[in-house]
């Protein structure tokens, strides 16, 4: 029976605390209650943590899409060289998952969960603090009003006794509110310090993520270098073209696959390593040399870096045209009433 009474009292106390927080939060939103503002440094740390979490999730999701193994990988079906490339591809996936995705996932599922928990606790402590401030202010106002009435020298002993009793009651309530305010202020300050210490560790998280990104880039460079070397070895093994074929530029009866193959593999490796999109030189030349406007398809999403640029979405079609004096890597893009610079390597010219 005692245990049941204890549980009921605890449930009632928790419900009262929750209701007090809800009332304080609602009154703050309606502009009817004061809100303790966090200092600028703490707000900046909270914003940085939230931004880090959002971008970490984006990087993780995009990387997972990139590293999804392809069960119908044509490289594995095309002979021993393709099998070697497939093995290198699996090694890239395993290495990247271990050295890049795992640290990012650990941050999301570990460190940031702790930060989010402490941040929520800080919000609750702030609501408790502001609710205590509101109660103290109301107690002071009530005591002031009763003091003014008591000083009016009302006649009658019973009336004076009642006012005296009321004044003592309000004074006790005021003292209780002050004590509650000191306790909630102390708890809020302690929780704010804990949250601040956790958030200041975000800088080291950024450095760790950068090291993981460097490892990921190095793994990609190793992978593409291996693929290039495997294709060079395959070219040597084939040996099916005459030795004077590469020096003969006038022959048109046979497609010069051997002479193009290394350059194609090298270009793919460089493009994949740097993250750029390969657009044919003829298309780029047409885009820059055309005097009028042309339609172009966007290959990848692009976020504008400033107000002079135009943000792009993959697969959308925009109007592009060149402007005299503009950098050779940019064109002027137009979509409806929006206009701005767009990177030429993100576009594919449409006929």
C-alpha atoms as a PDB file:
ATOM      1  CA  UNK A   1       0.000   0.000   0.000  1.00  0.00           C
ATOM      2  CA  UNK A   2       2.859   2.389   0.845  1.00  0.00           C
ATOM      3  CA  UNK A   3       4.527   1.614  -2.487  1.00  0.00           C
ATOM      4  CA  UNK A   4       1.302   2.423  -4.303  1.00  0.00           C
ATOM      5  CA  UNK A   5       0.961   5.712  -2.446  1.00  0.00           C
ATOM      6  CA  UNK A   6       4.555   6.582  -3.312  1.00  0.00           C
ATOM      7  CA  UNK A   7       3.964   5.834  -7.011  1.00  0.00           C
ATOM      8  CA  UNK A   8       0.802   7.930  -7.054  1.00  0.00           C
ATOM      9  CA  UNK A   9       2.582  10.858  -5.382  1.00  0.00           C
ATOM     10  CA  UNK A  10       5.515  10.580  -7.806  1.00  0.00           C
ATOM     11  CA  UNK A  11       3.151  10.427 -10.773  1.00  0.00           C
ATOM     12  CA  UNK A  12       1.298  13.485  -9.488  1.00  0.00           C
ATOM     13  CA  UNK A  13       4.568  15.381  -8.957  1.00  0.00           C
ATOM     14  CA  UNK A  14       5.803  14.478 -12.452  1.00  0.00           C
ATOM     15  CA  UNK A  15       2.483  15.496 -13.954  1.00  0.00           C
ATOM     16  CA  UNK A  16       2.625  18.822 -12.117  1.00  0.00           C
ATOM     17  CA  UNK A  17       6.150  19.475 -13.376  1.00  0.00           C
ATOM     18  CA  UNK A  18       5.152  18.592 -16.941  1.00  0.00           C
ATOM     19  CA  UNK A  19       2.096  20.846 -16.747  1.00  0.00           C
ATOM     20  CA  UNK A  20       4.186  23.693 -15.356  1.00  0.00           C
ATOM     21  CA  UNK A  21       6.654  23.349 -18.219  1.00  0.00           C
ATOM     22  CA  UNK A  22       3.870  23.174 -20.779  1.00  0.00           C
ATOM     23  CA  UNK A  23       2.234  26.324 -19.374  1.00  0.00           C
ATOM     24  CA  UNK A  24       5.553  28.170 -19.312  1.00  0.00           C
ATOM     25  CA  UNK A  25       6.365  27.103 -22.885  1.00  0.00           C
ATOM     26  CA  UNK A  26       2.909  28.130 -24.140  1.00  0.00           C
ATOM     27  CA  UNK A  27       3.038  31.514 -22.392  1.00  0.00           C
ATOM     28  CA  UNK A  28       6.473  32.144 -23.852  1.00  0.00           C
ATOM     29  CA  UNK A  29       5.188  31.445 -27.349  1.00  0.00           C
ATOM     30  CA  UNK A  30       2.255  33.788 -26.747  1.00  0.00           C
ATOM     31  CA  UNK A  31       4.555  36.491 -25.378  1.00  0.00           C
ATOM     32  CA  UNK A  32       2.965  36.367 -21.931  1.00  0.00           C
ATOM     33  CA  UNK A  33       5.954  35.099 -19.932  1.00  0.00           C
ATOM     34  CA  UNK A  34       9.647  35.830 -19.687  1.00  0.00           C
ATOM     35  CA  UNK A  35      12.176  33.538 -21.289  1.00  0.00           C
ATOM     36  CA  UNK A  36      15.752  33.173 -20.157  1.00  0.00           C
ATOM     37  CA  UNK A  37      17.919  33.678 -23.226  1.00  0.00           C
ATOM     38  CA  UNK A  38      21.011  31.531 -23.606  1.00  0.00           C
ATOM     39  CA  UNK A  39      24.275  33.384 -24.101  1.00  0.00           C
ATOM     40  CA  UNK A  40      25.448  33.917 -27.675  1.00  0.00           C
ATOM     41  CA  UNK A  41      28.346  31.467 -27.389  1.00  0.00           C
ATOM     42  CA  UNK A  42      26.071  28.643 -26.225  1.00  0.00           C
ATOM     43  CA  UNK A  43      23.524  29.442 -28.940  1.00  0.00           C
ATOM     44  CA  UNK A  44      26.322  29.353 -31.508  1.00  0.00           C
ATOM     45  CA  UNK A  45      27.494  25.980 -30.206  1.00  0.00           C
ATOM     46  CA  UNK A  46      23.944  24.599 -30.366  1.00  0.00           C
ATOM     47  CA  UNK A  47      23.582  25.831 -33.945  1.00  0.00           C
ATOM     48  CA  UNK A  48      26.952  24.343 -34.883  1.00  0.00           C
ATOM     49  CA  UNK A  49      25.998  20.970 -33.383  1.00  0.00           C
ATOM     50  CA  UNK A  50      22.678  20.926 -35.256  1.00  0.00           C
ATOM     51  CA  UNK A  51      24.396  21.880 -38.528  1.00  0.00           C
ATOM     52  CA  UNK A  52      27.031  19.183 -37.999  1.00  0.00           C
ATOM     53  CA  UNK A  53      24.334  16.583 -37.397  1.00  0.00           C
ATOM     54  CA  UNK A  54      22.389  17.568 -40.542  1.00  0.00           C
ATOM     55  CA  UNK A  55      25.430  17.540 -42.825  1.00  0.00           C
ATOM     56  CA  UNK A  56      26.749  14.317 -41.285  1.00  0.00           C
ATOM     57  CA  UNK A  57      23.456  12.623 -42.088  1.00  0.00           C
ATOM     58  CA  UNK A  58      23.535  13.987 -45.646  1.00  0.00           C
ATOM     59  CA  UNK A  59      27.126  12.826 -46.212  1.00  0.00           C
ATOM     60  CA  UNK A  60      26.361   9.428 -44.721  1.00  0.00           C
ATOM     61  CA  UNK A  61      23.225   8.897 -46.838  1.00  0.00           C
ATOM     62  CA  UNK A  62      24.893  10.029 -50.069  1.00  0.00           C
ATOM     63  CA  UNK A  63      27.957   7.889 -49.364  1.00  0.00           C
ATOM     64  CA  UNK A  64      25.815   4.832 -48.621  1.00  0.00           C
ATOM     65  CA  UNK A  65      24.067   5.297 -51.960  1.00  0.00           C
ATOM     66  CA  UNK A  66      27.421   5.609 -53.723  1.00  0.00           C
ATOM     67  CA  UNK A  67      28.887   2.538 -52.047  1.00  0.00           C
ATOM     68  CA  UNK A  68      25.951   0.194 -52.607  1.00  0.00           C
ATOM     69  CA  UNK A  69      27.376  -2.969 -54.222  1.00  0.00           C
ATOM     70  CA  UNK A  70      25.967  -3.767 -57.632  1.00  0.00           C
ATOM     71  CA  UNK A  71      24.987  -7.466 -57.819  1.00  0.00           C
ATOM     72  CA  UNK A  72      24.964  -7.366 -61.611  1.00  0.00           C
ATOM     73  CA  UNK A  73      28.404  -5.792 -61.816  1.00  0.00           C
ATOM     74  CA  UNK A  74      29.538  -6.132 -65.439  1.00  0.00           C
ATOM     75  CA  UNK A  75      33.185  -5.958 -64.362  1.00  0.00           C
ATOM     76  CA  UNK A  76      32.962  -9.352 -62.626  1.00  0.00           C
ATOM     77  CA  UNK A  77      31.355 -10.952 -65.725  1.00  0.00           C
ATOM     78  CA  UNK A  78      33.981  -9.873 -68.225  1.00  0.00           C
ATOM     79  CA  UNK A  79      36.985 -12.054 -67.446  1.00  0.00           C
ATOM     80  CA  UNK A  80      39.889 -12.128 -65.037  1.00  0.00           C
ATOM     81  CA  UNK A  81      40.615  -8.421 -65.330  1.00  0.00           C
ATOM     82  CA  UNK A  82      37.022  -7.561 -64.505  1.00  0.00           C
ATOM     83  CA  UNK A  83      37.185  -9.918 -61.521  1.00  0.00           C
ATOM     84  CA  UNK A  84      40.274  -8.127 -60.234  1.00  0.00           C
ATOM     85  CA  UNK A  85      38.492  -4.796 -60.599  1.00  0.00           C
ATOM     86  CA  UNK A  86      35.469  -6.248 -58.805  1.00  0.00           C
ATOM     87  CA  UNK A  87      37.717  -7.365 -55.941  1.00  0.00           C
ATOM     88  CA  UNK A  88      39.217  -3.872 -55.738  1.00  0.00           C
ATOM     89  CA  UNK A  89      35.685  -2.456 -55.706  1.00  0.00           C
ATOM     90  CA  UNK A  90      34.737  -4.652 -52.737  1.00  0.00           C
ATOM     91  CA  UNK A  91      37.897  -3.593 -50.911  1.00  0.00           C
ATOM     92  CA  UNK A  92      36.980   0.058 -51.497  1.00  0.00           C
ATOM     93  CA  UNK A  93      33.496  -0.523 -50.065  1.00  0.00           C
ATOM     94  CA  UNK A  94      34.820  -2.346 -46.999  1.00  0.00           C
ATOM     95  CA  UNK A  95      37.579   0.187 -46.348  1.00  0.00           C
ATOM     96  CA  UNK A  96      35.255   3.152 -46.821  1.00  0.00           C
ATOM     97  CA  UNK A  97      32.575   1.648 -44.594  1.00  0.00           C
ATOM     98  CA  UNK A  98      35.136   0.996 -41.845  1.00  0.00           C
ATOM     99  CA  UNK A  99      37.175   4.200 -42.045  1.00  0.00           C
ATOM    100  CA  UNK A 100      34.524   6.677 -43.184  1.00  0.00           C
ATOM    101  CA  UNK A 101      30.932   5.593 -42.592  1.00  0.00           C
ATOM    102  CA  UNK A 102      31.518   3.939 -39.208  1.00  0.00           C
ATOM    103  CA  UNK A 103      32.957   7.103 -37.545  1.00  0.00           C
ATOM    104  CA  UNK A 104      30.093   9.187 -38.975  1.00  0.00           C
ATOM    105  CA  UNK A 105      27.525   6.675 -37.743  1.00  0.00           C
ATOM    106  CA  UNK A 106      29.203   6.565 -34.327  1.00  0.00           C
ATOM    107  CA  UNK A 107      28.793  10.341 -34.048  1.00  0.00           C
ATOM    108  CA  UNK A 108      25.096  10.229 -34.998  1.00  0.00           C
ATOM    109  CA  UNK A 109      24.254   7.239 -32.792  1.00  0.00           C
ATOM    110  CA  UNK A 110      26.595   8.095 -29.919  1.00  0.00           C
ATOM    111  CA  UNK A 111      27.940  11.596 -29.336  1.00  0.00           C
ATOM    112  CA  UNK A 112      25.035  13.484 -30.871  1.00  0.00           C
ATOM    113  CA  UNK A 113      22.448  11.412 -28.987  1.00  0.00           C
ATOM    114  CA  UNK A 114      24.191  12.436 -25.774  1.00  0.00           C
ATOM    115  CA  UNK A 115      24.211  16.077 -26.890  1.00  0.00           C
ATOM    116  CA  UNK A 116      20.517  15.905 -27.818  1.00  0.00           C
ATOM    117  CA  UNK A 117      19.672  14.346 -24.441  1.00  0.00           C
ATOM    118  CA  UNK A 118      21.555  17.018 -22.481  1.00  0.00           C
ATOM    119  CA  UNK A 119      20.098  19.741 -24.690  1.00  0.00           C
ATOM    120  CA  UNK A 120      16.560  18.535 -23.957  1.00  0.00           C
ATOM    121  CA  UNK A 121      17.388  18.415 -20.256  1.00  0.00           C
ATOM    122  CA  UNK A 122      18.704  21.994 -20.487  1.00  0.00           C
ATOM    123  CA  UNK A 123      15.420  23.073 -22.075  1.00  0.00           C
ATOM    124  CA  UNK A 124      13.464  21.475 -19.220  1.00  0.00           C
ATOM    125  CA  UNK A 125      15.658  23.146 -16.592  1.00  0.00           C
ATOM    126  CA  UNK A 126      15.173  26.494 -18.311  1.00  0.00           C
ATOM    127  CA  UNK A 127      11.403  26.046 -18.292  1.00  0.00           C
ATOM    128  CA  UNK A 128      11.544  25.185 -14.583  1.00  0.00           C
ATOM    129  CA  UNK A 129      13.653  28.276 -13.927  1.00  0.00           C
ATOM    130  CA  UNK A 130      11.352  30.605 -15.825  1.00  0.00           C
ATOM    131  CA  UNK A 131       8.282  29.089 -14.152  1.00  0.00           C
ATOM    132  CA  UNK A 132       9.889  29.731 -10.721  1.00  0.00           C
ATOM    133  CA  UNK A 133      10.653  33.322 -11.735  1.00  0.00           C
ATOM    134  CA  UNK A 134       7.029  33.811 -12.735  1.00  0.00           C
ATOM    135  CA  UNK A 135       5.726  32.411  -9.445  1.00  0.00           C
ATOM    136  CA  UNK A 136       8.089  34.620  -7.418  1.00  0.00           C
ATOM    137  CA  UNK A 137       7.021  37.691  -9.342  1.00  0.00           C
ATOM    138  CA  UNK A 138       3.361  36.915  -8.682  1.00  0.00           C
ATOM    139  CA  UNK A 139       4.058  36.306  -4.965  1.00  0.00           C
ATOM    140  CA  UNK A 140       5.880  39.652  -4.680  1.00  0.00           C
ATOM    141  CA  UNK A 141       3.052  41.467  -6.422  1.00  0.00           C
ATOM    142  CA  UNK A 142       0.442  39.887  -4.123  1.00  0.00           C
ATOM    143  CA  UNK A 143       2.436  40.752  -1.003  1.00  0.00           C
ATOM    144  CA  UNK A 144       2.856  44.340  -2.178  1.00  0.00           C
ATOM    145  CA  UNK A 145      -0.885  44.722  -2.709  1.00  0.00           C
ATOM    146  CA  UNK A 146      -1.698  43.279   0.719  1.00  0.00           C
ATOM    147  CA  UNK A 147       0.898  45.480   2.400  1.00  0.00           C
ATOM    148  CA  UNK A 148      -0.740  48.520   0.843  1.00  0.00           C
ATOM    149  CA  UNK A 149      -4.132  47.403   2.122  1.00  0.00           C
ATOM    150  CA  UNK A 150      -2.743  46.695   5.592  1.00  0.00           C
ATOM    151  CA  UNK A 151      -1.289  50.192   5.821  1.00  0.00           C
ATOM    152  CA  UNK A 152      -4.698  51.756   5.173  1.00  0.00           C
ATOM    153  CA  UNK A 153      -5.553  51.538   8.947  1.00  0.00           C
ATOM    154  CA  UNK A 154      -8.787  49.676   8.518  1.00  0.00           C
ATOM    155  CA  UNK A 155     -10.933  49.623  11.676  1.00  0.00           C
ATOM    156  CA  UNK A 156     -11.875  46.444  13.525  1.00  0.00           C
ATOM    157  CA  UNK A 157      -9.726  43.898  15.277  1.00  0.00           C
ATOM    158  CA  UNK A 158     -11.021  40.969  13.230  1.00  0.00           C
ATOM    159  CA  UNK A 159     -10.195  42.669   9.969  1.00  0.00           C
ATOM    160  CA  UNK A 160      -6.692  43.512  11.171  1.00  0.00           C
ATOM    161  CA  UNK A 161      -6.121  39.944  12.309  1.00  0.00           C
ATOM    162  CA  UNK A 162      -7.254  38.576   8.964  1.00  0.00           C
ATOM    163  CA  UNK A 163      -4.992  40.948   7.061  1.00  0.00           C
ATOM    164  CA  UNK A 164      -2.079  40.100   9.306  1.00  0.00           C
ATOM    165  CA  UNK A 165      -2.653  36.406   8.731  1.00  0.00           C
ATOM    166  CA  UNK A 166      -2.886  36.914   4.968  1.00  0.00           C
ATOM    167  CA  UNK A 167       0.281  38.982   4.960  1.00  0.00           C
ATOM    168  CA  UNK A 168       2.201  36.326   6.881  1.00  0.00           C
ATOM    169  CA  UNK A 169       0.914  33.657   4.507  1.00  0.00           C
ATOM    170  CA  UNK A 170       2.053  35.584   1.439  1.00  0.00           C
ATOM    171  CA  UNK A 171       5.420  36.296   3.030  1.00  0.00           C
ATOM    172  CA  UNK A 172       5.972  32.565   3.633  1.00  0.00           C
ATOM    173  CA  UNK A 173       4.915  31.873   0.047  1.00  0.00           C
ATOM    174  CA  UNK A 174       7.372  34.503  -1.160  1.00  0.00           C
ATOM    175  CA  UNK A 175      10.219  32.976   0.818  1.00  0.00           C
ATOM    176  CA  UNK A 176       9.333  29.546  -0.564  1.00  0.00           C
ATOM    177  CA  UNK A 177       9.319  30.924  -4.117  1.00  0.00           C
ATOM    178  CA  UNK A 178      12.728  32.533  -3.564  1.00  0.00           C
ATOM    179  CA  UNK A 179      14.159  29.244  -2.323  1.00  0.00           C
ATOM    180  CA  UNK A 180      12.663  27.415  -5.290  1.00  0.00           C
ATOM    181  CA  UNK A 181      14.169  30.017  -7.634  1.00  0.00           C
ATOM    182  CA  UNK A 182      17.641  29.553  -6.138  1.00  0.00           C
ATOM    183  CA  UNK A 183      17.394  25.779  -6.574  1.00  0.00           C
ATOM    184  CA  UNK A 184      16.149  25.943 -10.171  1.00  0.00           C
ATOM    185  CA  UNK A 185      18.771  28.589 -11.049  1.00  0.00           C
ATOM    186  CA  UNK A 186      21.514  26.335  -9.673  1.00  0.00           C
ATOM    187  CA  UNK A 187      20.231  23.324 -11.604  1.00  0.00           C
ATOM    188  CA  UNK A 188      19.964  25.370 -14.792  1.00  0.00           C
ATOM    189  CA  UNK A 189      23.518  26.727 -14.460  1.00  0.00           C
ATOM    190  CA  UNK A 190      24.896  23.248 -13.832  1.00  0.00           C
ATOM    191  CA  UNK A 191      23.072  21.768 -16.838  1.00  0.00           C
ATOM    192  CA  UNK A 192      24.128  24.685 -19.054  1.00  0.00           C
ATOM    193  CA  UNK A 193      27.772  24.017 -18.156  1.00  0.00           C
ATOM    194  CA  UNK A 194      27.413  20.293 -18.932  1.00  0.00           C
ATOM    195  CA  UNK A 195      25.806  21.071 -22.286  1.00  0.00           C
ATOM    196  CA  UNK A 196      28.479  23.666 -23.065  1.00  0.00           C
ATOM    197  CA  UNK A 197      31.313  21.180 -22.422  1.00  0.00           C
ATOM    198  CA  UNK A 198      29.703  18.615 -24.727  1.00  0.00           C
ATOM    199  CA  UNK A 199      29.118  21.156 -27.488  1.00  0.00           C
ATOM    200  CA  UNK A 200      32.676  22.460 -27.350  1.00  0.00           C
ATOM    201  CA  UNK A 201      33.782  18.976 -28.400  1.00  0.00           C
ATOM    202  CA  UNK A 202      32.157  19.520 -31.815  1.00  0.00           C
ATOM    203  CA  UNK A 203      35.377  21.118 -33.078  1.00  0.00           C
ATOM    204  CA  UNK A 204      37.315  17.907 -32.453  1.00  0.00           C
ATOM    205  CA  UNK A 205      34.492  16.021 -34.185  1.00  0.00           C
ATOM    206  CA  UNK A 206      34.973  18.227 -37.250  1.00  0.00           C
ATOM    207  CA  UNK A 207      38.702  17.455 -37.290  1.00  0.00           C
ATOM    208  CA  UNK A 208      38.017  13.720 -36.940  1.00  0.00           C
ATOM    209  CA  UNK A 209      35.457  13.817 -39.774  1.00  0.00           C
ATOM    210  CA  UNK A 210      38.016  15.606 -41.953  1.00  0.00           C
ATOM    211  CA  UNK A 211      40.613  12.899 -41.290  1.00  0.00           C
ATOM    212  CA  UNK A 212      38.035  10.259 -42.183  1.00  0.00           C
ATOM    213  CA  UNK A 213      37.239  12.141 -45.394  1.00  0.00           C
ATOM    214  CA  UNK A 214      40.941  12.217 -46.300  1.00  0.00           C
ATOM    215  CA  UNK A 215      41.097   8.446 -45.772  1.00  0.00           C
ATOM    216  CA  UNK A 216      38.047   8.025 -47.990  1.00  0.00           C
ATOM    217  CA  UNK A 217      39.598  10.107 -50.787  1.00  0.00           C
ATOM    218  CA  UNK A 218      42.861   8.151 -50.544  1.00  0.00           C
ATOM    219  CA  UNK A 219      40.930   4.888 -50.767  1.00  0.00           C
ATOM    220  CA  UNK A 220      39.212   6.118 -53.928  1.00  0.00           C
ATOM    221  CA  UNK A 221      42.520   7.206 -55.449  1.00  0.00           C
ATOM    222  CA  UNK A 222      44.003   3.775 -54.709  1.00  0.00           C
ATOM    223  CA  UNK A 223      40.975   2.065 -56.238  1.00  0.00           C
ATOM    224  CA  UNK A 224      41.088   4.042 -59.500  1.00  0.00           C
ATOM    225  CA  UNK A 225      44.852   3.620 -59.775  1.00  0.00           C
ATOM    226  CA  UNK A 226      44.412  -0.145 -59.439  1.00  0.00           C
ATOM    227  CA  UNK A 227      41.679  -0.187 -62.092  1.00  0.00           C
ATOM    228  CA  UNK A 228      43.864   1.813 -64.454  1.00  0.00           C
ATOM    229  CA  UNK A 229      46.785  -0.544 -63.934  1.00  0.00           C
ATOM    230  CA  UNK A 230      44.550  -3.600 -64.473  1.00  0.00           C
ATOM    231  CA  UNK A 231      43.357  -2.200 -67.801  1.00  0.00           C
ATOM    232  CA  UNK A 232      46.930  -1.453 -68.859  1.00  0.00           C
ATOM    233  CA  UNK A 233      47.851  -5.066 -68.081  1.00  0.00           C
ATOM    234  CA  UNK A 234      44.843  -6.226 -70.115  1.00  0.00           C
ATOM    235  CA  UNK A 235      45.944  -4.107 -73.053  1.00  0.00           C
ATOM    236  CA  UNK A 236      49.394  -5.713 -72.966  1.00  0.00           C
ATOM    237  CA  UNK A 237      47.903  -9.189 -72.750  1.00  0.00           C
ATOM    238  CA  UNK A 238      45.607  -8.641 -75.711  1.00  0.00           C
ATOM    239  CA  UNK A 239      48.406  -7.530 -78.083  1.00  0.00           C
ATOM    240  CA  UNK A 240      46.066  -7.932 -81.037  1.00  0.00           C
ATOM    241  CA  UNK A 241      46.938  -4.707 -82.868  1.00  0.00           C
ATOM    242  CA  UNK A 242      49.987  -4.141 -85.127  1.00  0.00           C
ATOM    243  CA  UNK A 243      52.837  -2.179 -83.621  1.00  0.00           C
ATOM    244  CA  UNK A 244      52.539   0.649 -86.137  1.00  0.00           C
ATOM    245  CA  UNK A 245      48.825   1.123 -85.483  1.00  0.00           C
ATOM    246  CA  UNK A 246      49.143   3.869 -82.904  1.00  0.00           C
ATOM    247  CA  UNK A 247      51.363   5.980 -85.177  1.00  0.00           C
ATOM    248  CA  UNK A 248      49.017   5.703 -88.150  1.00  0.00           C
ATOM    249  CA  UNK A 249      46.490   8.513 -87.875  1.00  0.00           C
ATOM    250  CA  UNK A 250      45.030   7.959 -91.366  1.00  0.00           C
ATOM    251  CA  UNK A 251      43.517   4.509 -90.820  1.00  0.00           C
ATOM    252  CA  UNK A 252      39.708   4.583 -90.422  1.00  0.00           C
ATOM    253  CA  UNK A 253      38.787   0.925 -90.966  1.00  0.00           C
ATOM    254  CA  UNK A 254      39.387  -0.051 -87.322  1.00  0.00           C
ATOM    255  CA  UNK A 255      38.352   1.884 -84.218  1.00  0.00           C
ATOM    256  CA  UNK A 256      41.517   2.794 -82.262  1.00  0.00           C
ATOM    257  CA  UNK A 257      40.437   1.191 -78.955  1.00  0.00           C
ATOM    258  CA  UNK A 258      43.946   0.512 -77.531  1.00  0.00           C
ATOM    259  CA  UNK A 259      45.129   4.090 -77.914  1.00  0.00           C
ATOM    260  CA  UNK A 260      41.968   5.514 -76.332  1.00  0.00           C
ATOM    261  CA  UNK A 261      41.599   3.015 -73.510  1.00  0.00           C
ATOM    262  CA  UNK A 262      44.349   4.283 -71.149  1.00  0.00           C
ATOM    263  CA  UNK A 263      43.292   7.892 -71.587  1.00  0.00           C
ATOM    264  CA  UNK A 264      39.659   7.000 -70.950  1.00  0.00           C
ATOM    265  CA  UNK A 265      40.505   5.076 -67.801  1.00  0.00           C
ATOM    266  CA  UNK A 266      42.800   7.849 -66.603  1.00  0.00           C
ATOM    267  CA  UNK A 267      40.164  10.507 -67.234  1.00  0.00           C
ATOM    268  CA  UNK A 268      37.571   8.474 -65.357  1.00  0.00           C
ATOM    269  CA  UNK A 269      39.894   8.034 -62.420  1.00  0.00           C
ATOM    270  CA  UNK A 270      40.704  11.731 -62.269  1.00  0.00           C
ATOM    271  CA  UNK A 271      37.060  12.736 -62.626  1.00  0.00           C
ATOM    272  CA  UNK A 272      35.869  10.311 -59.954  1.00  0.00           C
ATOM    273  CA  UNK A 273      38.631  11.320 -57.586  1.00  0.00           C
ATOM    274  CA  UNK A 274      37.932  15.022 -57.894  1.00  0.00           C
ATOM    275  CA  UNK A 275      34.146  14.664 -57.873  1.00  0.00           C
ATOM    276  CA  UNK A 276      33.674  16.505 -61.194  1.00  0.00           C
ATOM    277  CA  UNK A 277      31.248  15.521 -63.923  1.00  0.00           C
ATOM    278  CA  UNK A 278      32.759  14.651 -67.298  1.00  0.00           C
ATOM    279  CA  UNK A 279      31.167  16.652 -70.104  1.00  0.00           C
ATOM    280  CA  UNK A 280      32.297  16.171 -73.681  1.00  0.00           C
ATOM    281  CA  UNK A 281      34.640  18.912 -74.992  1.00  0.00           C
ATOM    282  CA  UNK A 282      32.397  19.559 -77.985  1.00  0.00           C
ATOM    283  CA  UNK A 283      29.422  20.294 -75.718  1.00  0.00           C
ATOM    284  CA  UNK A 284      31.471  22.656 -73.556  1.00  0.00           C
ATOM    285  CA  UNK A 285      32.771  24.434 -76.641  1.00  0.00           C
ATOM    286  CA  UNK A 286      29.267  24.782 -78.064  1.00  0.00           C
ATOM    287  CA  UNK A 287      27.999  26.197 -74.773  1.00  0.00           C
ATOM    288  CA  UNK A 288      30.700  28.860 -74.640  1.00  0.00           C
ATOM    289  CA  UNK A 289      30.690  29.773 -78.319  1.00  0.00           C
ATOM    290  CA  UNK A 290      26.946  29.971 -78.926  1.00  0.00           C
ATOM    291  CA  UNK A 291      25.772  33.548 -79.268  1.00  0.00           C
ATOM    292  CA  UNK A 292      22.144  32.895 -78.302  1.00  0.00           C
ATOM    293  CA  UNK A 293      20.507  30.974 -75.494  1.00  0.00           C
ATOM    294  CA  UNK A 294      20.362  27.174 -75.378  1.00  0.00           C
ATOM    295  CA  UNK A 295      18.599  24.580 -73.271  1.00  0.00           C
ATOM    296  CA  UNK A 296      20.731  22.441 -70.955  1.00  0.00           C
ATOM    297  CA  UNK A 297      19.976  19.580 -68.585  1.00  0.00           C
ATOM    298  CA  UNK A 298      21.390  19.696 -65.052  1.00  0.00           C
ATOM    299  CA  UNK A 299      23.456  16.604 -64.200  1.00  0.00           C
ATOM    300  CA  UNK A 300      23.763  17.051 -60.434  1.00  0.00           C
ATOM    301  CA  UNK A 301      22.362  19.193 -57.627  1.00  0.00           C
ATOM    302  CA  UNK A 302      24.248  22.425 -57.012  1.00  0.00           C
ATOM    303  CA  UNK A 303      23.839  24.849 -54.091  1.00  0.00           C
ATOM    304  CA  UNK A 304      24.597  28.475 -54.931  1.00  0.00           C
ATOM    305  CA  UNK A 305      27.554  29.844 -52.973  1.00  0.00           C
ATOM    306  CA  UNK A 306      26.323  33.458 -53.134  1.00  0.00           C
ATOM    307  CA  UNK A 307      23.580  35.662 -54.568  1.00  0.00           C
ATOM    308  CA  UNK A 308      25.244  35.842 -58.010  1.00  0.00           C
ATOM    309  CA  UNK A 309      24.867  32.085 -58.562  1.00  0.00           C
ATOM    310  CA  UNK A 310      21.810  29.956 -59.339  1.00  0.00           C
ATOM    311  CA  UNK A 311      21.009  26.793 -57.361  1.00  0.00           C
ATOM    312  CA  UNK A 312      20.353  23.731 -59.517  1.00  0.00           C
ATOM    313  CA  UNK A 313      18.424  20.480 -59.172  1.00  0.00           C
ATOM    314  CA  UNK A 314      19.454  17.302 -60.968  1.00  0.00           C
ATOM    315  CA  UNK A 315      17.567  16.517 -64.220  1.00  0.00           C
ATOM    316  CA  UNK A 316      15.893  19.932 -64.484  1.00  0.00           C
ATOM    317  CA  UNK A 317      16.166  21.822 -67.791  1.00  0.00           C
ATOM    318  CA  UNK A 318      17.278  25.457 -67.746  1.00  0.00           C
ATOM    319  CA  UNK A 319      18.198  28.110 -70.297  1.00  0.00           C
ATOM    320  CA  UNK A 320      21.896  29.010 -70.512  1.00  0.00           C
ATOM    321  CA  UNK A 321      23.849  31.627 -72.411  1.00  0.00           C
ATOM    322  CA  UNK A 322      27.338  33.082 -72.345  1.00  0.00           C
ATOM    323  CA  UNK A 323      28.237  36.571 -71.154  1.00  0.00           C
ATOM    324  CA  UNK A 324      31.247  38.516 -72.392  1.00  0.00           C
ATOM    325  CA  UNK A 325      33.997  38.633 -69.799  1.00  0.00           C
ATOM    326  CA  UNK A 326      32.650  35.741 -67.687  1.00  0.00           C
ATOM    327  CA  UNK A 327      35.033  33.057 -66.448  1.00  0.00           C
ATOM    328  CA  UNK A 328      35.365  30.123 -68.864  1.00  0.00           C
ATOM    329  CA  UNK A 329      34.077  27.658 -66.240  1.00  0.00           C
ATOM    330  CA  UNK A 330      30.730  29.448 -65.844  1.00  0.00           C
ATOM    331  CA  UNK A 331      27.627  30.297 -67.855  1.00  0.00           C
ATOM    332  CA  UNK A 332      24.630  32.456 -67.087  1.00  0.00           C
ATOM    333  CA  UNK A 333      21.609  30.300 -66.250  1.00  0.00           C
ATOM    334  CA  UNK A 334      17.954  31.253 -66.301  1.00  0.00           C
ATOM    335  CA  UNK A 335      14.936  29.480 -64.806  1.00  0.00           C
ATOM    336  CA  UNK A 336      11.672  31.428 -64.940  1.00  0.00           C
ATOM    337  CA  UNK A 337      12.376  34.803 -63.350  1.00  0.00           C
ATOM    338  CA  UNK A 338      15.491  33.493 -61.565  1.00  0.00           C
ATOM    339  CA  UNK A 339      18.896  34.146 -63.066  1.00  0.00           C
ATOM    340  CA  UNK A 340      22.482  33.520 -61.961  1.00  0.00           C
ATOM    341  CA  UNK A 341      25.847  31.952 -62.743  1.00  0.00           C
ATOM    342  CA  UNK A 342      26.008  28.163 -63.080  1.00  0.00           C
ATOM    343  CA  UNK A 343      29.085  25.884 -63.328  1.00  0.00           C
ATOM    344  CA  UNK A 344      29.500  24.552 -66.854  1.00  0.00           C
ATOM    345  CA  UNK A 345      30.597  21.086 -65.698  1.00  0.00           C
ATOM    346  CA  UNK A 346      27.182  20.473 -64.136  1.00  0.00           C
ATOM    347  CA  UNK A 347      25.381  20.888 -67.477  1.00  0.00           C
ATOM    348  CA  UNK A 348      24.628  18.802 -70.549  1.00  0.00           C
ATOM    349  CA  UNK A 349      23.747  20.700 -73.700  1.00  0.00           C
ATOM    350  CA  UNK A 350      20.468  19.638 -75.325  1.00  0.00           C
ATOM    351  CA  UNK A 351      19.939  19.587 -79.075  1.00  0.00           C
END
